[in-house]
Amino acid sequence: MPDLRCTVQTCAHNKNFYCDLDGIVVGGNSAKRAEETCCDSFEERKGDSYSNVTGEASPKCKIDCKATDCMYNEQCQCHAGKISVEGSSACRCGQTECATFKCEC
């Protein structure tokens, strides 16, 4: 399971640069560049509220990866040692990206 660091402070699941979900989904099934990926699990934080998920935020996270051309994607699972999800002021998932994405093309 990769270490996940997330700079998307506008996401309801972000707690001190970690995600409180057990796993996330990275979208971008036809991505050739990091900018063409996104965190499909993004949920915009409203006000100062935090996620209702009771799980603890952790650096370890299961990553279901739809970016099939990424060199770290093995059978739709991310096998990078660590990844970074970016998009500090995102309002929707399309404004986020997996900055670790590297195309095998």
Protein backbone atom coordinates (compact mmCIF):
# COMPACT_ATOMS: atom_id res chain seq x y z
CA MET A 1 0.00 0.00 0.00
CA PRO A 2 1.53 3.35 -1.03
CA ASP A 3 2.09 6.32 1.23
CA LEU A 4 -0.32 9.07 0.17
CA ARG A 5 0.38 12.75 0.71
CA CYS A 6 -2.45 15.05 -0.29
CA THR A 7 -2.19 18.83 -0.68
CA VAL A 8 -5.89 19.23 -1.51
CA GLN A 9 -6.86 21.21 1.58
CA THR A 10 -10.36 21.83 0.19
CA CYS A 11 -11.22 18.11 0.33
CA ALA A 12 -13.45 16.95 3.19
CA HIS A 13 -11.27 13.84 3.59
CA ASN A 14 -7.97 15.74 4.01
CA LYS A 15 -6.65 15.85 7.55
CA ASN A 16 -3.18 17.36 7.88
CA PHE A 17 -2.14 16.25 4.36
CA TYR A 18 -3.41 12.69 4.88
CA CYS A 19 -6.66 11.08 3.76
CA ASP A 20 -9.20 9.69 6.23
CA LEU A 21 -10.56 7.22 3.63
CA ASP A 22 -9.29 3.63 3.61
CA GLY A 23 -8.77 3.96 -0.13
CA ILE A 24 -9.12 6.43 -2.99
CA VAL A 25 -9.84 6.20 -6.69
CA VAL A 26 -7.51 7.94 -9.14
CA GLY A 27 -9.26 8.67 -12.43
CA GLY A 28 -7.78 9.21 -15.85
CA ASN A 29 -8.24 6.07 -17.93
CA SER A 30 -6.81 7.76 -21.04
CA ALA A 31 -4.26 9.97 -19.22
CA LYS A 32 -0.87 10.54 -20.80
CA ARG A 33 0.14 13.34 -18.36
CA ALA A 34 -0.38 13.91 -14.65
CA GLU A 35 -2.70 16.84 -15.43
CA GLU A 36 -5.10 14.37 -17.08
CA THR A 37 -5.56 12.39 -13.85
CA CYS A 38 -7.73 13.30 -10.86
CA CYS A 39 -8.77 12.07 -7.45
CA ASP A 40 -12.28 10.72 -8.07
CA SER A 41 -12.70 10.43 -4.29
CA PHE A 42 -12.48 14.21 -3.85
CA GLU A 43 -15.37 15.72 -1.93
CA GLU A 44 -15.40 19.47 -1.42
CA ARG A 45 -15.21 20.61 2.18
CA LYS A 46 -18.02 22.97 3.10
CA GLY A 47 -17.00 25.65 5.59
CA ASP A 48 -14.78 24.40 8.39
CA SER A 49 -16.40 20.96 8.48
CA TYR A 50 -14.44 17.75 8.30
CA SER A 51 -15.49 14.41 6.89
CA ASN A 52 -18.05 12.34 8.79
CA VAL A 53 -15.86 9.29 8.19
CA THR A 54 -14.75 7.95 11.56
CA GLY A 55 -11.47 6.50 10.28
CA GLU A 56 -8.16 8.02 11.22
CA ALA A 57 -6.15 9.85 8.59
CA SER A 58 -3.09 7.80 7.73
CA PRO A 59 -0.17 8.02 5.32
CA LYS A 60 -0.98 4.50 4.01
CA CYS A 61 -3.85 4.28 1.55
CA LYS A 62 -5.19 1.74 -0.95
CA ILE A 63 -5.29 3.36 -4.38
CA ASP A 64 -7.62 2.06 -7.06
CA CYS A 65 -6.03 3.50 -10.21
CA LYS A 66 -7.92 3.99 -13.47
CA ALA A 67 -4.89 5.57 -15.18
CA THR A 68 -4.03 2.40 -17.07
CA ASP A 69 -0.99 3.88 -18.85
CA CYS A 70 0.77 4.79 -15.58
CA MET A 71 3.96 2.84 -14.94
CA TYR A 72 2.84 2.24 -11.32
CA ASN A 73 -0.54 0.75 -12.29
CA GLU A 74 -0.71 -3.02 -11.90
CA GLN A 75 -4.17 -4.49 -12.43
CA CYS A 76 -5.82 -1.17 -11.50
CA GLN A 77 -3.90 -0.86 -8.22
CA CYS A 78 -1.15 1.68 -7.57
CA HIS A 79 2.20 0.14 -6.69
CA ALA A 80 4.27 3.30 -6.28
CA GLY A 81 6.08 3.57 -2.96
CA LYS A 82 4.44 6.92 -2.33
CA ILE A 83 2.20 9.27 -4.27
CA SER A 84 1.20 12.89 -4.12
CA VAL A 85 -2.30 14.14 -4.90
CA GLU A 86 -2.29 17.86 -5.67
CA GLY A 87 -4.79 20.63 -6.24
CA SER A 88 -4.62 22.91 -3.21
CA SER A 89 -7.65 25.06 -4.04
CA ALA A 90 -9.77 22.50 -5.90
CA CYS A 91 -13.55 22.81 -5.96
CA ARG A 92 -14.15 19.59 -7.94
CA CYS A 93 -12.24 16.40 -8.65
CA GLY A 94 -11.15 17.59 -12.12
CA GLN A 95 -9.00 20.22 -10.41
CA THR A 96 -6.94 17.57 -8.62
CA GLU A 97 -4.23 15.32 -10.01
CA CYS A 98 -1.94 12.44 -9.16
CA ALA A 99 1.41 14.21 -9.41
CA THR A 100 3.22 10.86 -9.26
CA PHE A 101 1.71 9.66 -12.56
CA LYS A 102 4.33 8.61 -15.12
CA CYS A 103 3.17 7.43 -18.52
CA GLU A 104 4.54 4.17 -19.90
CA CYS A 105 3.75 5.41 -23.41
